[in-house]
Amino acid sequence: MSKSTPLSQETIDEIHQLNKQWEELMHELGTLKMNQLEIETRELYLKQHYVDIQDTKNKIFSDLSQKYGKGSVDLEQKMYISK
């Protein structure tokens, strides 16, 4: 047979405070995880964008090399300098 014992208001207040702190912690961890997921998603986007830019750059320089031979671009002079 179980026996019920009344708790003091101080103990009840401590338990309520502990529960409140626990809920705040869980909320903060949830927010942190959501932010982490957003960062990971943004990082994936930026990595793909990097690859796309590199592919475009490589295609431009490949096309220039096929057209004019091996060389480099001088943007100040607006010239392609063949080697």
Protein backbone atom coordinates (compact mmCIF):
# COMPACT_ATOMS: atom_id res chain seq x y z
CA MET A 1 0.00 0.00 0.00
CA SER A 2 1.40 3.39 -0.95
CA LYS A 3 1.49 6.31 1.38
CA SER A 4 1.04 9.94 0.32
CA THR A 5 3.15 12.61 1.95
CA PRO A 6 2.46 16.29 1.38
CA LEU A 7 5.35 18.29 -0.09
CA SER A 8 6.40 21.66 1.21
CA GLN A 9 5.77 24.70 -0.96
CA GLU A 10 9.55 25.16 -1.18
CA THR A 11 9.99 21.67 -2.67
CA ILE A 12 7.11 22.20 -5.09
CA ASP A 13 8.63 25.54 -6.14
CA GLU A 14 12.03 23.89 -6.67
CA ILE A 15 10.48 21.18 -8.84
CA HIS A 16 8.55 23.78 -10.86
CA GLN A 17 11.74 25.79 -11.31
CA LEU A 18 13.63 22.67 -12.40
CA ASN A 19 10.88 21.79 -14.90
CA LYS A 20 10.95 25.35 -16.25
CA GLN A 21 14.74 25.22 -16.68
CA TRP A 22 14.42 21.85 -18.43
CA GLU A 23 11.81 23.20 -20.86
CA GLU A 24 13.99 26.25 -21.59
CA LEU A 25 16.98 24.00 -22.22
CA MET A 26 15.00 21.80 -24.60
CA HIS A 27 13.73 24.89 -26.42
CA GLU A 28 17.27 26.27 -26.77
CA LEU A 29 18.59 22.91 -27.99
CA GLY A 30 15.77 22.76 -30.55
CA THR A 31 16.55 26.27 -31.73
CA LEU A 32 20.25 25.41 -31.92
CA LYS A 33 19.52 22.30 -33.99
CA MET A 34 17.28 24.24 -36.37
CA ASN A 35 20.01 26.86 -36.83
CA GLN A 36 22.53 24.09 -37.45
CA LEU A 37 20.29 22.58 -40.13
CA GLU A 38 19.88 25.99 -41.78
CA ILE A 39 23.67 26.45 -41.80
CA GLU A 40 24.21 22.98 -43.27
CA THR A 41 21.61 23.69 -45.99
CA ARG A 42 23.25 27.04 -46.80
CA GLU A 43 26.67 25.37 -46.89
CA LEU A 44 25.42 22.76 -49.38
CA TYR A 45 24.01 25.55 -51.56
CA LEU A 46 27.28 27.48 -51.45
CA LYS A 47 29.33 24.39 -52.26
CA GLN A 48 27.14 23.74 -55.32
CA HIS A 49 27.39 27.40 -56.32
CA TYR A 50 31.20 27.14 -56.03
CA VAL A 51 31.21 24.08 -58.29
CA ASP A 52 28.96 25.85 -60.80
CA ILE A 53 31.24 28.91 -60.88
CA GLN A 54 34.34 26.74 -61.29
CA ASP A 55 32.65 24.82 -64.13
CA THR A 56 31.72 28.08 -65.89
CA LYS A 57 35.25 29.46 -65.43
CA ASN A 58 36.80 26.25 -66.75
CA LYS A 59 34.49 26.25 -69.78
CA ILE A 60 35.30 29.88 -70.61
CA PHE A 61 39.05 29.28 -70.40
CA SER A 62 38.77 26.00 -72.27
CA ASP A 63 36.84 27.73 -75.07
CA LEU A 64 39.45 30.53 -75.20
CA SER A 65 42.29 27.99 -75.32
CA GLN A 66 40.61 26.09 -78.15
CA LYS A 67 40.00 29.29 -80.07
CA TYR A 68 43.30 31.13 -79.45
CA GLY A 69 45.68 28.52 -78.04
CA LYS A 70 47.08 28.25 -74.55
CA GLY A 71 47.30 31.62 -72.82
CA SER A 72 45.89 33.93 -70.20
CA VAL A 73 43.44 36.79 -69.84
CA ASP A 74 44.49 40.36 -69.06
CA LEU A 75 41.28 42.03 -67.90
CA GLU A 76 42.91 45.47 -67.60
CA GLN A 77 43.95 45.38 -71.25
CA LYS A 78 40.85 43.41 -72.24
CA MET A 79 43.11 40.99 -74.10
CA TYR A 80 43.80 37.29 -74.39
CA ILE A 81 47.52 36.73 -74.38
CA SER A 82 48.58 33.55 -76.20
CA LYS A 83 51.72 31.75 -75.07
